[in-house]
Amino acid sequence: MMKLMLLSICVIPLWAGAMACGQPSAEAVPEEKPLVEKTIEQVLQEHTDRLMALPGVVGTALGLCADKPCIQVFVVEATEELLKQIPDEIQGYQVDVQQTGEFKALDQK
């Protein structure tokens, strides 16, 4: 009888602790995603100024990457330092960096 009592004193707290560990706490519950995500046009508009502020970035645009909409960032030269500053994706949309050189306006005659 004493062994059974001792066993229940040791096992019940362990079992209760294990059950509590299996339940997510309020902090561990992931946030729900909003029902309406931003369009790629909205995301590009929100981030273009920041991207254009990077030295060497000469433009941004909407494009297609593997038949999916993506954000294109045009750079004079795709240096390692510059590529580190441009994210691979922005708010779920892939970012594609294109080395284009400087853009120049055409003379109008």
Protein backbone atom coordinates (compact mmCIF):
# COMPACT_ATOMS: atom_id res chain seq x y z
CA MET A 1 0.00 0.00 0.00
CA MET A 2 2.84 2.35 0.85
CA LYS A 3 4.50 1.63 -2.52
CA LEU A 4 1.25 2.41 -4.35
CA MET A 5 0.87 5.68 -2.46
CA LEU A 6 4.48 6.62 -3.17
CA LEU A 7 4.06 5.73 -6.85
CA SER A 8 0.97 7.93 -7.18
CA ILE A 9 2.75 10.83 -5.47
CA CYS A 10 5.59 10.62 -8.03
CA VAL A 11 3.65 9.71 -11.18
CA ILE A 12 0.64 12.03 -10.99
CA PRO A 13 2.71 15.26 -10.93
CA LEU A 14 4.81 13.97 -13.84
CA TRP A 15 1.71 13.07 -15.84
CA ALA A 16 0.09 16.45 -15.12
CA GLY A 17 3.29 18.24 -16.14
CA ALA A 18 3.49 16.29 -19.38
CA MET A 19 -0.13 17.09 -20.19
CA ALA A 20 0.47 20.79 -19.53
CA CYS A 21 3.51 20.77 -21.84
CA GLY A 22 1.39 19.38 -24.66
CA GLN A 23 -1.10 22.25 -24.46
CA PRO A 24 -0.08 25.48 -26.22
CA SER A 25 0.07 28.52 -23.99
CA ALA A 26 -1.53 31.78 -25.03
CA GLU A 27 1.90 33.07 -26.07
CA ALA A 28 2.61 30.02 -28.24
CA VAL A 29 -0.57 30.21 -30.32
CA PRO A 30 0.37 31.58 -33.74
CA GLU A 31 -1.35 34.75 -34.87
CA GLU A 32 -3.98 34.34 -37.52
CA LYS A 33 -3.16 35.79 -40.92
CA PRO A 34 -5.38 38.61 -42.05
CA LEU A 35 -8.16 37.55 -44.38
CA VAL A 36 -7.09 40.05 -47.03
CA GLU A 37 -3.44 40.08 -48.05
CA LYS A 38 -1.88 43.06 -49.78
CA THR A 39 -1.63 42.95 -53.53
CA ILE A 40 1.80 42.94 -55.10
CA GLU A 41 1.09 46.44 -56.41
CA GLN A 42 0.45 47.68 -52.85
CA VAL A 43 3.59 45.96 -51.53
CA LEU A 44 5.72 47.40 -54.34
CA GLN A 45 4.34 50.90 -53.74
CA GLU A 46 5.06 50.65 -50.00
CA HIS A 47 8.66 49.46 -50.48
CA THR A 48 9.86 51.27 -53.62
CA ASP A 49 11.15 54.37 -51.78
CA ARG A 50 13.22 52.23 -49.40
CA LEU A 51 14.62 50.14 -52.26
CA MET A 52 15.37 53.20 -54.41
CA ALA A 53 17.27 54.77 -51.48
CA LEU A 54 19.89 52.01 -51.73
CA PRO A 55 22.94 53.23 -53.66
CA GLY A 56 23.04 51.39 -56.98
CA VAL A 57 19.30 50.70 -57.30
CA VAL A 58 17.93 52.42 -60.40
CA GLY A 59 14.37 51.10 -60.57
CA THR A 60 11.66 48.71 -59.45
CA ALA A 61 8.83 47.02 -61.32
CA LEU A 62 6.34 44.19 -61.30
CA GLY A 63 7.49 41.06 -63.09
CA LEU A 64 7.03 37.33 -63.42
CA CYS A 65 9.30 34.78 -61.79
CA ALA A 66 8.47 31.16 -62.64
CA ASP A 67 5.03 32.29 -63.85
CA LYS A 68 4.25 33.98 -60.51
CA PRO A 69 4.11 37.73 -59.83
CA CYS A 70 7.35 39.05 -58.35
CA ILE A 71 9.03 42.34 -57.53
CA GLN A 72 11.92 43.24 -59.78
CA VAL A 73 14.72 45.49 -58.57
CA PHE A 74 17.01 46.96 -61.21
CA VAL A 75 20.59 47.72 -60.17
CA VAL A 76 23.57 49.31 -61.90
CA GLU A 77 25.84 46.51 -60.70
CA ALA A 78 24.83 43.47 -58.63
CA THR A 79 27.60 43.69 -56.06
CA GLU A 80 27.66 41.34 -53.09
CA GLU A 81 27.27 44.29 -50.72
CA LEU A 82 24.18 45.57 -52.53
CA LEU A 83 22.60 42.11 -52.83
CA LYS A 84 22.89 41.70 -49.04
CA GLN A 85 20.68 44.79 -48.61
CA ILE A 86 17.91 43.62 -50.94
CA PRO A 87 15.63 40.97 -49.42
CA ASP A 88 14.85 37.73 -51.27
CA GLU A 89 11.15 38.32 -50.63
CA ILE A 90 8.94 41.12 -49.40
CA GLN A 91 5.66 40.27 -47.68
CA GLY A 92 5.53 36.89 -49.40
CA TYR A 93 6.43 38.10 -52.90
CA GLN A 94 9.72 36.95 -54.44
CA VAL A 95 12.26 39.66 -55.28
CA ASP A 96 14.26 39.33 -58.50
CA VAL A 97 17.38 41.51 -58.89
CA GLN A 98 18.36 42.45 -62.45
CA GLN A 99 21.69 44.08 -63.30
CA THR A 100 20.85 46.69 -65.95
CA GLY A 101 23.47 49.41 -65.73
CA GLU A 102 22.38 53.05 -65.65
CA PHE A 103 19.07 54.04 -67.20
CA LYS A 104 19.29 56.97 -69.59
CA ALA A 105 16.51 58.95 -71.20
CA LEU A 106 16.40 58.86 -74.99
CA ASP A 107 16.81 62.12 -76.85
CA GLN A 108 13.51 63.28 -78.30
CA LYS A 109 13.89 64.90 -81.74
